[in-house]
PDB file of N, CA and C in Angstrom:
ATOM      1  N   MET A   1      22.495 223.654  16.540  1.00  0.00           N
ATOM      2  CA  MET A   1      20.941 223.162  16.081  1.00  0.00           C
ATOM      3  C   MET A   1      20.289 224.596  15.508  1.00  0.00           C
ATOM      4  N   ARG A   2      19.807 224.172  13.965  1.00  0.00           N
ATOM      5  CA  ARG A   2      19.052 225.281  13.378  1.00  0.00           C
ATOM      6  C   ARG A   2      17.829 225.267  13.543  1.00  0.00           C
ATOM      7  N   LEU A   3      17.267 226.600  13.621  1.00  0.00           N
ATOM      8  CA  LEU A   3      15.677 226.630  13.755  1.00  0.00           C
ATOM      9  C   LEU A   3      15.174 227.894  13.105  1.00  0.00           C
ATOM     10  N   GLY A   4      13.965 227.701  12.219  1.00  0.00           N
ATOM     11  CA  GLY A   4      13.746 228.676  11.607  1.00  0.00           C
ATOM     12  C   GLY A   4      11.895 228.735  11.473  1.00  0.00           C
ATOM     13  N   LEU A   5      11.887 230.399  10.738  1.00  0.00           N
ATOM     14  CA  LEU A   5      10.497 230.678  10.498  1.00  0.00           C
ATOM     15  C   LEU A   5      10.250 231.400   9.354  1.00  0.00           C
ATOM     16  N   THR A   6       9.256 231.418   8.625  1.00  0.00           N
ATOM     17  CA  THR A   6       8.914 231.916   7.251  1.00  0.00           C
ATOM     18  C   THR A   6       7.722 233.222   7.530  1.00  0.00           C
ATOM     19  N   GLU A   7       7.916 234.096   7.233  1.00  0.00           N
ATOM     20  CA  GLU A   7       6.806 235.064   7.426  1.00  0.00           C
ATOM     21  C   GLU A   7       6.693 236.268   5.707  1.00  0.00           C
ATOM     22  N   THR A   8       5.548 236.635   5.744  1.00  0.00           N
ATOM     23  CA  THR A   8       5.592 237.233   4.570  1.00  0.00           C
ATOM     24  C   THR A   8       5.061 238.920   4.564  1.00  0.00           C
ATOM     25  N   ILE A   9       4.969 239.593   3.579  1.00  0.00           N
ATOM     26  CA  ILE A   9       4.765 240.621   3.735  1.00  0.00           C
ATOM     27  C   ILE A   9       4.460 240.966   2.277  1.00  0.00           C
ATOM     28  N   ASP A  10       3.503 242.349   2.081  1.00  0.00           N
ATOM     29  CA  ASP A  10       3.555 242.481   0.641  1.00  0.00           C
ATOM     30  C   ASP A  10       3.869 244.465   0.801  1.00  0.00           C
ATOM     31  N   CYS A  11       4.665 244.412  -0.430  1.00  0.00           N
ATOM     32  CA  CYS A  11       5.048 245.959  -0.577  1.00  0.00           C
ATOM     33  C   CYS A  11       4.886 246.217  -2.041  1.00  0.00           C
ATOM     34  N   ALA A  12       5.260 247.595  -2.138  1.00  0.00           N
ATOM     35  CA  ALA A  12       5.375 247.866  -3.679  1.00  0.00           C
ATOM     36  C   ALA A  12       6.850 248.425  -3.838  1.00  0.00           C
ATOM     37  N   HIS A  13       7.185 248.603  -4.998  1.00  0.00           N
ATOM     38  CA  HIS A  13       8.612 249.262  -5.155  1.00  0.00           C
ATOM     39  C   HIS A  13       8.611 249.168  -6.780  1.00  0.00           C
ATOM     40  N   MET A  14       9.623 250.164  -6.951  1.00  0.00           N
ATOM     41  CA  MET A  14      10.411 250.450  -8.731  1.00  0.00           C
ATOM     42  C   MET A  14      11.831 250.731  -8.146  1.00  0.00           C
ATOM     43  N   LEU A  15      12.694 250.042  -9.609  1.00  0.00           N
ATOM     44  CA  LEU A  15      13.527 250.213  -9.712  1.00  0.00           C
ATOM     45  C   LEU A  15      13.933 251.474 -10.577  1.00  0.00           C
ATOM     46  N   PRO A  16      14.582 252.642 -10.215  1.00  0.00           N
ATOM     47  CA  PRO A  16      14.471 253.655 -11.617  1.00  0.00           C
ATOM     48  C   PRO A  16      15.650 253.300 -12.048  1.00  0.00           C
ATOM     49  N   GLY A  17      15.140 253.323 -13.673  1.00  0.00           N
ATOM     50  CA  GLY A  17      15.936 253.399 -14.451  1.00  0.00           C
ATOM     51  C   GLY A  17      16.262 252.011 -15.311  1.00  0.00           C
ATOM     52  N   HIS A  18      15.516 250.990 -14.588  1.00  0.00           N
ATOM     53  CA  HIS A  18      15.314 249.703 -14.958  1.00  0.00           C
ATOM     54  C   HIS A  18      14.349 249.525 -15.937  1.00  0.00           C
ATOM     55  N   SER A  19      14.547 248.980 -17.083  1.00  0.00           N
ATOM     56  CA  SER A  19      13.450 248.448 -18.130  1.00  0.00           C
ATOM     57  C   SER A  19      11.917 247.910 -18.187  1.00  0.00           C
ATOM     58  N   LYS A  20      12.133 246.867 -17.337  1.00  0.00           N
ATOM     59  CA  LYS A  20      11.047 246.508 -16.735  1.00  0.00           C
ATOM     60  C   LYS A  20      10.359 246.699 -15.551  1.00  0.00           C
ATOM     61  N   CYS A  21      11.599 246.808 -14.558  1.00  0.00           N
ATOM     62  CA  CYS A  21      11.103 247.478 -13.023  1.00  0.00           C
ATOM     63  C   CYS A  21      11.136 248.653 -12.760  1.00  0.00           C
ATOM     64  N   GLY A  22      11.049 249.680 -13.745  1.00  0.00           N
ATOM     65  CA  GLY A  22      11.220 251.218 -13.664  1.00  0.00           C
ATOM     66  C   GLY A  22       9.863 251.309 -13.382  1.00  0.00           C
ATOM     67  N   GLN A  23       8.457 250.914 -13.403  1.00  0.00           N
ATOM     68  CA  GLN A  23       7.366 250.754 -13.210  1.00  0.00           C
ATOM     69  C   GLN A  23       7.038 250.633 -11.915  1.00  0.00           C
ATOM     70  N   LEU A  24       5.878 251.207 -10.681  1.00  0.00           N
ATOM     71  CA  LEU A  24       5.216 250.633  -9.711  1.00  0.00           C
ATOM     72  C   LEU A  24       5.016 249.402 -10.088  1.00  0.00           C
ATOM     73  N   HIS A  25       5.101 248.334  -8.646  1.00  0.00           N
ATOM     74  CA  HIS A  25       4.726 247.296  -9.253  1.00  0.00           C
ATOM     75  C   HIS A  25       4.648 246.947  -7.741  1.00  0.00           C
ATOM     76  N   GLY A  26       4.104 245.680  -7.075  1.00  0.00           N
ATOM     77  CA  GLY A  26       4.419 244.909  -5.714  1.00  0.00           C
ATOM     78  C   GLY A  26       4.727 243.634  -5.913  1.00  0.00           C
ATOM     79  N   HIS A  27       5.033 243.251  -4.917  1.00  0.00           N
ATOM     80  CA  HIS A  27       5.607 241.693  -4.453  1.00  0.00           C
ATOM     81  C   HIS A  27       5.034 241.063  -3.072  1.00  0.00           C
ATOM     82  N   THR A  28       4.797 240.119  -3.054  1.00  0.00           N
ATOM     83  CA  THR A  28       4.774 239.236  -1.963  1.00  0.00           C
ATOM     84  C   THR A  28       5.893 238.665  -1.590  1.00  0.00           C
ATOM     85  N   TYR A  29       6.711 239.318  -0.573  1.00  0.00           N
ATOM     86  CA  TYR A  29       8.246 238.766  -0.349  1.00  0.00           C
ATOM     87  C   TYR A  29       7.705 237.992   1.212  1.00  0.00           C
ATOM     88  N   THR A  30       8.274 236.607   0.916  1.00  0.00           N
ATOM     89  CA  THR A  30       8.819 235.756   1.722  1.00  0.00           C
ATOM     90  C   THR A  30       9.682 235.782   2.259  1.00  0.00           C
ATOM     91  N   VAL A  31       9.843 235.986   3.828  1.00  0.00           N
ATOM     92  CA  VAL A  31      11.177 236.219   4.615  1.00  0.00           C
ATOM     93  C   VAL A  31      11.367 234.830   5.423  1.00  0.00           C
ATOM     94  N   GLU A  32      12.510 234.226   4.919  1.00  0.00           N
ATOM     95  CA  GLU A  32      12.727 232.815   5.859  1.00  0.00           C
ATOM     96  C   GLU A  32      13.814 233.304   6.428  1.00  0.00           C
ATOM     97  N   VAL A  33      14.112 233.144   7.836  1.00  0.00           N
ATOM     98  CA  VAL A  33      15.307 233.196   9.129  1.00  0.00           C
ATOM     99  C   VAL A  33      15.261 231.948   9.589  1.00  0.00           C
ATOM    100  N   VAL A  34      16.446 231.682   9.438  1.00  0.00           N
ATOM    101  CA  VAL A  34      17.329 230.707  10.700  1.00  0.00           C
ATOM    102  C   VAL A  34      18.225 231.052  11.345  1.00  0.00           C
ATOM    103  N   VAL A  35      18.056 230.479  12.411  1.00  0.00           N
ATOM    104  CA  VAL A  35      18.678 230.826  14.046  1.00  0.00           C
ATOM    105  C   VAL A  35      19.630 229.958  14.194  1.00  0.00           C
ATOM    106  N   GLU A  36      20.757 229.875  14.716  1.00  0.00           N
ATOM    107  CA  GLU A  36      21.633 228.980  14.815  1.00  0.00           C
ATOM    108  C   GLU A  36      22.409 228.712  16.571  1.00  0.00           C
ATOM    109  N   GLY A  37      22.003 227.970  17.231  1.00  0.00           N
ATOM    110  CA  GLY A  37      22.482 228.023  18.351  1.00  0.00           C
ATOM    111  C   GLY A  37      22.451 226.834  19.264  1.00  0.00           C
ATOM    112  N   GLU A  38      22.518 226.868  20.688  1.00  0.00           N
ATOM    113  CA  GLU A  38      22.662 225.692  21.510  1.00  0.00           C
ATOM    114  C   GLU A  38      21.254 225.369  22.290  1.00  0.00           C
ATOM    115  N   MET A  39      21.123 224.353  22.565  1.00  0.00           N
ATOM    116  CA  MET A  39      19.737 224.107  22.857  1.00  0.00           C
ATOM    117  C   MET A  39      19.628 224.490  24.114  1.00  0.00           C
ATOM    118  N   ASP A  40      18.835 224.799  24.995  1.00  0.00           N
ATOM    119  CA  ASP A  40      18.869 225.065  26.088  1.00  0.00           C
ATOM    120  C   ASP A  40      17.582 224.968  26.599  1.00  0.00           C
ATOM    121  N   GLY A  41      17.227 223.914  27.826  1.00  0.00           N
ATOM    122  CA  GLY A  41      16.037 223.367  28.176  1.00  0.00           C
ATOM    123  C   GLY A  41      15.242 223.150  26.937  1.00  0.00           C
ATOM    124  N   GLY A  42      15.974 222.242  26.149  1.00  0.00           N
ATOM    125  CA  GLY A  42      15.185 221.459  25.313  1.00  0.00           C
ATOM    126  C   GLY A  42      14.817 222.116  23.989  1.00  0.00           C
ATOM    127  N   MET A  43      15.118 223.667  23.763  1.00  0.00           N
ATOM    128  CA  MET A  43      15.013 224.416  22.839  1.00  0.00           C
ATOM    129  C   MET A  43      15.927 225.261  22.493  1.00  0.00           C
ATOM    130  N   VAL A  44      16.397 225.522  21.064  1.00  0.00           N
ATOM    131  CA  VAL A  44      17.357 226.770  20.932  1.00  0.00           C
ATOM    132  C   VAL A  44      16.500 228.283  21.640  1.00  0.00           C
ATOM    133  N   LEU A  45      15.177 228.396  21.157  1.00  0.00           N
ATOM    134  CA  LEU A  45      14.176 229.694  21.373  1.00  0.00           C
ATOM    135  C   LEU A  45      13.244 229.490  20.859  1.00  0.00           C
ATOM    136  N   ASP A  46      12.014 229.925  21.676  1.00  0.00           N
ATOM    137  CA  ASP A  46      10.608 229.485  21.619  1.00  0.00           C
ATOM    138  C   ASP A  46      10.223 230.730  20.215  1.00  0.00           C
ATOM    139  N   PHE A  47       9.438 229.366  19.665  1.00  0.00           N
ATOM    140  CA  PHE A  47       9.099 230.474  18.091  1.00  0.00           C
ATOM    141  C   PHE A  47       8.223 231.375  18.178  1.00  0.00           C
ATOM    142  N   ALA A  48       7.656 231.909  19.678  1.00  0.00           N
ATOM    143  CA  ALA A  48       6.726 232.731  19.577  1.00  0.00           C
ATOM    144  C   ALA A  48       7.560 234.087  19.436  1.00  0.00           C
ATOM    145  N   ASP A  49       8.687 234.167  20.502  1.00  0.00           N
ATOM    146  CA  ASP A  49       9.862 234.811  20.700  1.00  0.00           C
ATOM    147  C   ASP A  49      10.264 235.027  19.120  1.00  0.00           C
ATOM    148  N   LEU A  50      10.689 234.231  18.396  1.00  0.00           N
ATOM    149  CA  LEU A  50      11.321 234.118  17.340  1.00  0.00           C
ATOM    150  C   LEU A  50      10.445 235.264  16.395  1.00  0.00           C
ATOM    151  N   ARG A  51       9.038 234.719  16.222  1.00  0.00           N
ATOM    152  CA  ARG A  51       8.106 235.441  15.591  1.00  0.00           C
ATOM    153  C   ARG A  51       8.229 236.855  15.544  1.00  0.00           C
ATOM    154  N   ALA A  52       7.689 236.882  17.497  1.00  0.00           N
ATOM    155  CA  ALA A  52       7.836 238.216  17.562  1.00  0.00           C
ATOM    156  C   ALA A  52       8.932 239.473  17.282  1.00  0.00           C
ATOM    157  N   GLN A  53      10.108 238.749  17.232  1.00  0.00           N
ATOM    158  CA  GLN A  53      11.239 239.504  16.782  1.00  0.00           C
ATOM    159  C   GLN A  53      11.557 239.914  15.510  1.00  0.00           C
ATOM    160  N   ILE A  54      10.957 238.837  14.560  1.00  0.00           N
ATOM    161  CA  ILE A  54      11.085 238.915  13.364  1.00  0.00           C
ATOM    162  C   ILE A  54       9.791 239.829  12.763  1.00  0.00           C
ATOM    163  N   ARG A  55       8.636 239.702  13.322  1.00  0.00           N
ATOM    164  CA  ARG A  55       7.402 240.687  12.910  1.00  0.00           C
ATOM    165  C   ARG A  55       7.752 242.652  13.320  1.00  0.00           C
ATOM    166  N   THR A  56       8.817 242.347  14.568  1.00  0.00           N
ATOM    167  CA  THR A  56       8.729 243.787  14.791  1.00  0.00           C
ATOM    168  C   THR A  56       9.539 244.497  13.641  1.00  0.00           C
ATOM    169  N   VAL A  57      10.436 243.730  13.203  1.00  0.00           N
ATOM    170  CA  VAL A  57      11.380 244.508  11.985  1.00  0.00           C
ATOM    171  C   VAL A  57      10.369 244.338  10.814  1.00  0.00           C
ATOM    172  N   LEU A  58       9.661 243.571  10.003  1.00  0.00           N
ATOM    173  CA  LEU A  58       8.932 243.250   8.816  1.00  0.00           C
ATOM    174  C   LEU A  58       7.651 244.111   9.060  1.00  0.00           C
ATOM    175  N   GLY A  59       7.430 244.475  10.109  1.00  0.00           N
ATOM    176  CA  GLY A  59       5.764 245.119  10.388  1.00  0.00           C
ATOM    177  C   GLY A  59       6.255 246.978   9.709  1.00  0.00           C
ATOM    178  N   ARG A  60       7.357 247.534   9.884  1.00  0.00           N
ATOM    179  CA  ARG A  60       7.802 248.775   9.267  1.00  0.00           C
ATOM    180  C   ARG A  60       7.121 248.523   7.722  1.00  0.00           C
ATOM    181  N   TYR A  61       7.588 247.468   7.272  1.00  0.00           N
ATOM    182  CA  TYR A  61       7.601 247.549   5.773  1.00  0.00           C
ATOM    183  C   TYR A  61       6.694 246.604   5.182  1.00  0.00           C
ATOM    184  N   ASP A  62       5.598 246.214   5.724  1.00  0.00           N
ATOM    185  CA  ASP A  62       4.267 245.566   5.357  1.00  0.00           C
ATOM    186  C   ASP A  62       3.462 246.491   4.555  1.00  0.00           C
ATOM    187  N   HIS A  63       2.727 246.144   3.219  1.00  0.00           N
ATOM    188  CA  HIS A  63       1.758 246.995   2.801  1.00  0.00           C
ATOM    189  C   HIS A  63       2.459 248.518   2.695  1.00  0.00           C
ATOM    190  N   ARG A  64       3.833 248.970   2.268  1.00  0.00           N
ATOM    191  CA  ARG A  64       4.546 249.697   2.256  1.00  0.00           C
ATOM    192  C   ARG A  64       5.045 250.148   0.778  1.00  0.00           C
ATOM    193  N   HIS A  65       6.043 250.978   0.792  1.00  0.00           N
ATOM    194  CA  HIS A  65       6.588 251.384  -0.505  1.00  0.00           C
ATOM    195  C   HIS A  65       8.146 251.166  -0.107  1.00  0.00           C
ATOM    196  N   TRP A  66       8.983 250.135  -0.737  1.00  0.00           N
ATOM    197  CA  TRP A  66      10.519 249.942  -0.554  1.00  0.00           C
ATOM    198  C   TRP A  66      10.965 251.297  -1.133  1.00  0.00           C
ATOM    199  N   ASN A  67      10.651 252.245  -2.016  1.00  0.00           N
ATOM    200  CA  ASN A  67      11.563 253.180  -2.017  1.00  0.00           C
ATOM    201  C   ASN A  67      11.067 254.477  -1.467  1.00  0.00           C
ATOM    202  N   ASP A  68      10.239 254.418  -0.512  1.00  0.00           N
ATOM    203  CA  ASP A  68      10.540 255.440   1.320  1.00  0.00           C
ATOM    204  C   ASP A  68      11.526 254.915   1.371  1.00  0.00           C
ATOM    205  N   PHE A  69      12.064 253.830   1.786  1.00  0.00           N
ATOM    206  CA  PHE A  69      13.281 253.461   2.620  1.00  0.00           C
ATOM    207  C   PHE A  69      14.924 253.104   2.206  1.00  0.00           C
ATOM    208  N   LEU A  70      14.678 252.823   0.559  1.00  0.00           N
ATOM    209  CA  LEU A  70      15.995 252.241  -0.315  1.00  0.00           C
ATOM    210  C   LEU A  70      16.000 253.039  -1.405  1.00  0.00           C
ATOM    211  N   ASP A  71      16.976 253.722  -1.644  1.00  0.00           N
ATOM    212  CA  ASP A  71      16.793 254.308  -3.010  1.00  0.00           C
ATOM    213  C   ASP A  71      16.667 253.171  -4.488  1.00  0.00           C
ATOM    214  N   TYR A  72      17.327 252.157  -3.796  1.00  0.00           N
ATOM    215  CA  TYR A  72      17.367 251.056  -4.991  1.00  0.00           C
ATOM    216  C   TYR A  72      16.983 249.695  -4.570  1.00  0.00           C
ATOM    217  N   PRO A  73      15.636 249.105  -4.396  1.00  0.00           N
ATOM    218  CA  PRO A  73      15.361 248.140  -3.641  1.00  0.00           C
ATOM    219  C   PRO A  73      15.179 247.075  -4.514  1.00  0.00           C
ATOM    220  N   THR A  74      16.227 246.672  -4.536  1.00  0.00           N
ATOM    221  CA  THR A  74      16.132 245.181  -5.705  1.00  0.00           C
ATOM    222  C   THR A  74      16.193 244.313  -4.050  1.00  0.00           C
ATOM    223  N   VAL A  75      15.949 242.893  -4.213  1.00  0.00           N
ATOM    224  CA  VAL A  75      15.856 241.920  -3.469  1.00  0.00           C
ATOM    225  C   VAL A  75      17.173 241.716  -2.718  1.00  0.00           C
ATOM    226  N   GLU A  76      18.002 242.016  -3.083  1.00  0.00           N
ATOM    227  CA  GLU A  76      19.629 241.629  -2.562  1.00  0.00           C
ATOM    228  C   GLU A  76      19.703 242.986  -1.151  1.00  0.00           C
ATOM    229  N   ASN A  77      19.168 244.063  -1.904  1.00  0.00           N
ATOM    230  CA  ASN A  77      18.961 245.283  -0.881  1.00  0.00           C
ATOM    231  C   ASN A  77      18.312 245.469   0.413  1.00  0.00           C
ATOM    232  N   ILE A  78      17.232 244.586  -0.100  1.00  0.00           N
ATOM    233  CA  ILE A  78      15.910 244.357   1.004  1.00  0.00           C
ATOM    234  C   ILE A  78      16.168 243.507   2.015  1.00  0.00           C
ATOM    235  N   CYS A  79      17.091 242.382   1.471  1.00  0.00           N
ATOM    236  CA  CYS A  79      17.625 241.223   2.517  1.00  0.00           C
ATOM    237  C   CYS A  79      18.291 242.108   2.942  1.00  0.00           C
ATOM    238  N   GLN A  80      19.711 242.542   2.833  1.00  0.00           N
ATOM    239  CA  GLN A  80      20.795 243.245   3.453  1.00  0.00           C
ATOM    240  C   GLN A  80      19.799 244.044   4.469  1.00  0.00           C
ATOM    241  N   ARG A  81      19.210 245.203   4.125  1.00  0.00           N
ATOM    242  CA  ARG A  81      18.509 246.076   5.486  1.00  0.00           C
ATOM    243  C   ARG A  81      17.820 245.174   6.100  1.00  0.00           C
ATOM    244  N   ILE A  82      17.008 244.291   6.216  1.00  0.00           N
ATOM    245  CA  ILE A  82      16.370 243.339   6.891  1.00  0.00           C
ATOM    246  C   ILE A  82      17.493 242.408   7.749  1.00  0.00           C
ATOM    247  N   ALA A  83      17.968 242.167   7.640  1.00  0.00           N
ATOM    248  CA  ALA A  83      19.470 241.678   8.315  1.00  0.00           C
ATOM    249  C   ALA A  83      19.817 242.100   9.308  1.00  0.00           C
ATOM    250  N   THR A  84      20.497 243.711   8.800  1.00  0.00           N
ATOM    251  CA  THR A  84      21.069 244.619   9.404  1.00  0.00           C
ATOM    252  C   THR A  84      19.807 244.915  10.617  1.00  0.00           C
ATOM    253  N   GLU A  85      18.583 245.239  10.350  1.00  0.00           N
ATOM    254  CA  GLU A  85      17.704 245.374  11.613  1.00  0.00           C
ATOM    255  C   GLU A  85      17.453 244.273  12.387  1.00  0.00           C
ATOM    256  N   LEU A  86      17.482 242.911  11.633  1.00  0.00           N
ATOM    257  CA  LEU A  86      17.511 241.803  12.256  1.00  0.00           C
ATOM    258  C   LEU A  86      18.097 241.431  13.381  1.00  0.00           C
ATOM    259  N   ALA A  87      19.712 241.820  13.185  1.00  0.00           N
ATOM    260  CA  ALA A  87      20.829 241.444  13.802  1.00  0.00           C
ATOM    261  C   ALA A  87      20.855 242.310  15.520  1.00  0.00           C
ATOM    262  N   GLU A  88      20.057 243.580  15.015  1.00  0.00           N
ATOM    263  CA  GLU A  88      19.648 244.118  16.653  1.00  0.00           C
ATOM    264  C   GLU A  88      18.761 243.600  17.262  1.00  0.00           C
ATOM    265  N   GLN A  89      17.966 242.342  16.681  1.00  0.00           N
ATOM    266  CA  GLN A  89      16.651 242.151  17.974  1.00  0.00           C
ATOM    267  C   GLN A  89      17.402 240.571  17.901  1.00  0.00           C
ATOM    268  N   LEU A  90      17.635 240.018  17.316  1.00  0.00           N
ATOM    269  CA  LEU A  90      18.214 238.468  17.677  1.00  0.00           C
ATOM    270  C   LEU A  90      19.682 238.491  18.521  1.00  0.00           C
ATOM    271  N   ALA A  91      19.562 237.217  19.394  1.00  0.00           N
ATOM    272  CA  ALA A  91      20.888 237.019  19.639  1.00  0.00           C
ATOM    273  C   ALA A  91      21.391 235.805  19.581  1.00  0.00           C
ATOM    274  N   PHE A  92      20.976 235.538  18.360  1.00  0.00           N
ATOM    275  CA  PHE A  92      22.120 234.334  17.876  1.00  0.00           C
ATOM    276  C   PHE A  92      22.539 234.740  16.221  1.00  0.00           C
ATOM    277  N   PRO A  93      23.355 234.347  15.838  1.00  0.00           N
ATOM    278  CA  PRO A  93      23.816 234.262  14.387  1.00  0.00           C
ATOM    279  C   PRO A  93      22.721 233.394  13.585  1.00  0.00           C
ATOM    280  N   PHE A  94      22.232 234.114  12.235  1.00  0.00           N
ATOM    281  CA  PHE A  94      21.073 234.114  11.461  1.00  0.00           C
ATOM    282  C   PHE A  94      21.385 234.179  10.185  1.00  0.00           C
ATOM    283  N   THR A  95      20.984 233.259   9.549  1.00  0.00           N
ATOM    284  CA  THR A  95      20.366 233.421   7.741  1.00  0.00           C
ATOM    285  C   THR A  95      19.268 233.631   7.623  1.00  0.00           C
ATOM    286  N   ILE A  96      19.105 234.792   6.611  1.00  0.00           N
ATOM    287  CA  ILE A  96      18.039 235.487   6.016  1.00  0.00           C
ATOM    288  C   ILE A  96      18.032 235.226   4.396  1.00  0.00           C
ATOM    289  N   ARG A  97      16.783 234.818   4.231  1.00  0.00           N
ATOM    290  CA  ARG A  97      16.711 234.277   2.658  1.00  0.00           C
ATOM    291  C   ARG A  97      14.886 235.307   2.557  1.00  0.00           C
ATOM    292  N   VAL A  98      15.122 236.156   1.531  1.00  0.00           N
ATOM    293  CA  VAL A  98      14.392 236.739   1.326  1.00  0.00           C
ATOM    294  C   VAL A  98      13.803 236.650  -0.337  1.00  0.00           C
ATOM    295  N   TYR A  99      12.649 235.993  -0.334  1.00  0.00           N
ATOM    296  CA  TYR A  99      11.812 235.310  -1.714  1.00  0.00           C
ATOM    297  C   TYR A  99      11.376 236.857  -2.401  1.00  0.00           C
ATOM    298  N   GLU A 100      11.528 237.179  -3.424  1.00  0.00           N
ATOM    299  CA  GLU A 100      10.810 238.483  -4.097  1.00  0.00           C
ATOM    300  C   GLU A 100       9.547 237.881  -4.978  1.00  0.00           C
ATOM    301  N   GLY A 101       8.048 237.390  -4.871  1.00  0.00           N
ATOM    302  CA  GLY A 101       7.527 236.329  -5.484  1.00  0.00           C
ATOM    303  C   GLY A 101       7.987 235.025  -5.144  1.00  0.00           C
ATOM    304  N   GLN A 102       8.002 234.618  -6.290  1.00  0.00           N
ATOM    305  CA  GLN A 102       8.160 232.878  -6.538  1.00  0.00           C
ATOM    306  C   GLN A 102       9.344 232.363  -6.795  1.00  0.00           C
ATOM    307  N   GLY A 103      10.358 231.885  -6.424  1.00  0.00           N
ATOM    308  CA  GLY A 103      11.336 231.188  -7.246  1.00  0.00           C
ATOM    309  C   GLY A 103      12.560 232.579  -7.325  1.00  0.00           C
ATOM    310  N   LYS A 104      12.640 233.522  -6.677  1.00  0.00           N
ATOM    311  CA  LYS A 104      13.463 234.386  -7.001  1.00  0.00           C
ATOM    312  C   LYS A 104      14.062 235.277  -5.684  1.00  0.00           C
ATOM    313  N   TRP A 105      14.988 234.911  -5.262  1.00  0.00           N
ATOM    314  CA  TRP A 105      15.536 235.065  -3.763  1.00  0.00           C
ATOM    315  C   TRP A 105      17.230 235.811  -3.631  1.00  0.00           C
ATOM    316  N   ALA A 106      17.435 236.305  -2.363  1.00  0.00           N
ATOM    317  CA  ALA A 106      18.899 236.771  -1.896  1.00  0.00           C
ATOM    318  C   ALA A 106      18.829 236.078  -0.504  1.00  0.00           C
ATOM    319  N   GLU A 107      20.154 235.899  -0.372  1.00  0.00           N
ATOM    320  CA  GLU A 107      20.229 235.448   1.176  1.00  0.00           C
ATOM    321  C   GLU A 107      21.447 235.912   1.534  1.00  0.00           C
ATOM    322  N   THR A 108      21.790 235.776   2.784  1.00  0.00           N
ATOM    323  CA  THR A 108      22.892 236.647   3.692  1.00  0.00           C
ATOM    324  C   THR A 108      22.908 235.881   4.806  1.00  0.00           C
ATOM    325  N   ALA A 109      24.229 236.000   5.652  1.00  0.00           N
ATOM    326  CA  ALA A 109      24.210 235.723   7.075  1.00  0.00           C
ATOM    327  C   ALA A 109      24.710 236.727   7.787  1.00  0.00           C
ATOM    328  N   ALA A 110      24.252 236.481   9.308  1.00  0.00           N
ATOM    329  CA  ALA A 110      24.519 237.996   9.946  1.00  0.00           C
ATOM    330  C   ALA A 110      24.752 237.255  11.180  1.00  0.00           C
ATOM    331  N   ALA A 111      25.586 238.309  12.415  1.00  0.00           N
ATOM    332  CA  ALA A 111      25.493 237.884  13.463  1.00  0.00           C
ATOM    333  C   ALA A 111      24.941 238.907  14.466  1.00  0.00           C
ATOM    334  N   PRO A 112      24.498 238.300  15.647  1.00  0.00           N
ATOM    335  CA  PRO A 112      23.993 239.482  16.758  1.00  0.00           C
ATOM    336  C   PRO A 112      24.851 240.453  16.959  1.00  0.00           C
ATOM    337  N   ARG A 113      24.156 241.932  17.047  1.00  0.00           N
ATOM    338  CA  ARG A 113      24.998 243.295  17.446  1.00  0.00           C
ATOM    339  C   ARG A 113      25.390 242.875  18.895  1.00  0.00           C
ATOM    340  N   SER A 114      26.596 242.798  19.470  1.00  0.00           N
ATOM    341  CA  SER A 114      26.560 242.943  20.751  1.00  0.00           C
ATOM    342  C   SER A 114      26.407 244.535  21.497  1.00  0.00           C
TER     343      SER A 114
END
């Protein structure tokens, strides 16, 4: 069974040396997390618990400057960083998709860390 949640954060970034994105600008990032697991007691995971775990990670970045955390904060690098941190929080395998604005996204899958 798959279960998912979507959250948003607003962040600034710039891509050094990029012709268009080299200037400081911001995006609303939509972060979609889909966990996969077996149902226990009628559910895979309580939505409130999943939301809390996701917000623990995303709260570090909301209304912040991505360049404070990543040298080259493309949506691919942002997706990978969030996935790595979520793997420390979640007890299920998951897929994460990060949208940079509308219609542009990166996706990766991850397993929980033991």
